[in-house]
Protein backbone atom coordinates (compact mmCIF):
# COMPACT_ATOMS: atom_id res chain seq x y z
CA MET A 1 -0.12 -0.04 0.10
CA GLU A 2 1.50 3.24 -1.03
CA LEU A 3 0.70 6.24 1.12
CA ASP A 4 -0.16 9.54 -0.52
CA TYR A 5 1.41 12.21 1.56
CA THR A 6 -0.33 15.05 -0.30
CA GLU A 7 -3.73 13.48 0.75
CA ILE A 8 -2.50 12.94 4.18
CA GLY A 9 -1.43 16.54 4.57
CA ARG A 10 -4.81 17.62 3.18
CA ARG A 11 -6.66 15.49 5.67
CA ILE A 12 -4.61 16.93 8.54
CA ALA A 13 -5.16 20.56 7.38
CA ARG A 14 -8.96 19.87 6.88
CA ARG A 15 -9.35 18.45 10.31
CA ARG A 16 -7.42 21.28 11.95
CA LYS A 17 -9.49 23.84 10.11
CA ALA A 18 -12.80 21.98 10.93
CA LEU A 19 -11.87 22.29 14.67
CA GLY A 20 -11.04 25.96 14.13
CA LEU A 21 -7.45 25.58 15.15
CA THR A 22 -4.29 27.37 13.93
CA GLN A 23 -1.18 25.64 12.88
CA ALA A 24 0.53 27.25 15.86
CA LYS A 25 -2.03 25.72 18.31
CA VAL A 26 -2.00 22.24 16.81
CA SER A 27 1.79 22.29 16.78
CA GLU A 28 1.93 23.21 20.37
CA ARG A 29 -0.48 20.42 21.26
CA ALA A 30 1.44 17.81 19.19
CA GLU A 31 4.79 19.25 20.40
CA ILE A 32 6.24 19.76 16.86
CA GLY A 33 7.26 22.97 15.15
CA ASP A 34 4.61 25.05 13.36
CA LYS A 35 6.94 25.21 10.30
CA TYR A 36 7.19 21.44 10.31
CA LEU A 37 3.28 21.10 10.44
CA SER A 38 3.06 23.53 7.62
CA SER A 39 5.43 21.33 5.62
CA ILE A 40 3.40 18.20 6.45
CA GLU A 41 0.07 19.81 5.33
CA ARG A 42 1.77 20.87 2.02
CA ALA A 43 3.37 17.35 1.58
CA ILE A 44 6.95 18.86 1.68
CA SER A 45 7.87 16.80 4.83
CA ILE A 46 6.76 13.18 5.48
CA PRO A 47 5.72 12.63 8.90
CA SER A 48 6.80 9.73 11.06
CA THR A 49 4.41 7.41 12.80
CA GLU A 50 4.90 9.18 16.00
CA VAL A 51 4.14 12.42 14.55
CA ILE A 52 0.98 11.11 12.88
CA MET A 53 -0.03 9.77 16.34
CA ARG A 54 0.72 13.08 18.17
CA LEU A 55 -1.35 14.85 15.34
CA ALA A 56 -4.27 12.48 15.91
CA ILE A 57 -4.28 13.27 19.57
CA ALA A 58 -3.88 16.98 19.07
CA LEU A 59 -6.80 16.93 16.57
CA ASP A 60 -8.90 14.46 18.70
CA THR A 61 -9.12 11.87 16.04
CA THR A 62 -7.55 8.56 15.07
CA PRO A 63 -4.45 8.16 12.81
CA ASP A 64 -6.60 6.32 10.16
CA GLU A 65 -8.48 9.52 9.49
CA PHE A 66 -5.23 10.86 8.04
CA LEU A 67 -3.83 7.77 6.56
CA VAL A 68 -6.93 6.34 4.88
CA GLY A 69 -9.53 9.01 5.33
CA THR A 70 -11.77 7.38 7.91
CA ALA A 71 -11.89 7.81 11.62
CA ARG A 72 -12.63 5.27 14.26
CA HIS A 73 -14.50 6.64 17.16
CA GLU A 74 -15.16 3.27 18.98
CA GLY A 75 -14.27 4.39 22.40
CA GLN A 76 -10.88 5.80 23.49
CA ARG A 77 -8.88 2.73 22.89
CA TRP A 78 -6.67 4.36 20.21
CA LYS A 79 -5.60 7.05 22.63
CA SER A 80 -4.14 4.53 25.02
CA ILE A 81 -2.15 2.98 22.10
CA ALA A 82 -1.14 6.46 20.89
CA GLU A 83 0.18 7.18 24.42
CA ARG A 84 2.21 4.04 24.58
CA LEU A 85 3.75 4.90 21.22
CA ARG A 86 4.68 8.45 22.40
CA ILE A 87 7.21 7.09 24.87
CA MET A 88 8.93 4.77 22.48
CA ASP A 89 12.44 5.35 21.07
CA ASP A 90 13.05 5.25 17.44
CA ARG A 91 14.12 1.59 17.46
CA GLN A 92 10.89 0.58 19.13
CA LEU A 93 8.71 2.85 16.80
CA ASP A 94 10.37 1.14 13.79
CA LEU A 95 9.38 -2.27 15.19
CA ALA A 96 5.86 -1.05 16.00
CA GLU A 97 5.48 0.46 12.50
CA SER A 98 6.70 -2.90 10.99
CA PHE A 99 4.35 -4.91 13.06
CA LEU A 100 1.36 -2.70 12.21
CA ALA A 101 2.17 -2.92 8.53
CA TRP A 102 2.30 -6.67 8.76
CA LEU A 103 -0.93 -6.80 10.90
CA SER A 104 -2.91 -4.62 8.52
CA GLU A 105 -2.09 -7.14 5.74
CA GLN A 106 -3.44 -10.05 7.70
CA LYS A 107 -7.07 -11.15 6.86
């Protein structure tokens, strides 16, 4: 599955605007730079899994809203998963991303 980073950036911007939030406010919530968020929204920068998770939390949605265009709102389970991912180092995040890619391919 090829990710469309232009569309991911548009989805992030759309969600941010729907909530009436500025890039500065979302950047602050996600603990990233506002220029970096601007670059993500314009598909100049490719966000890591961790940044996608941070943006999902900051914008009160799930990462799949950005990645595939649909959000899951079945409880708050995704938030606890996102919190676990936030404290992982790069090696752990790489492993988690590989596992999630493998898991999404399973039927």
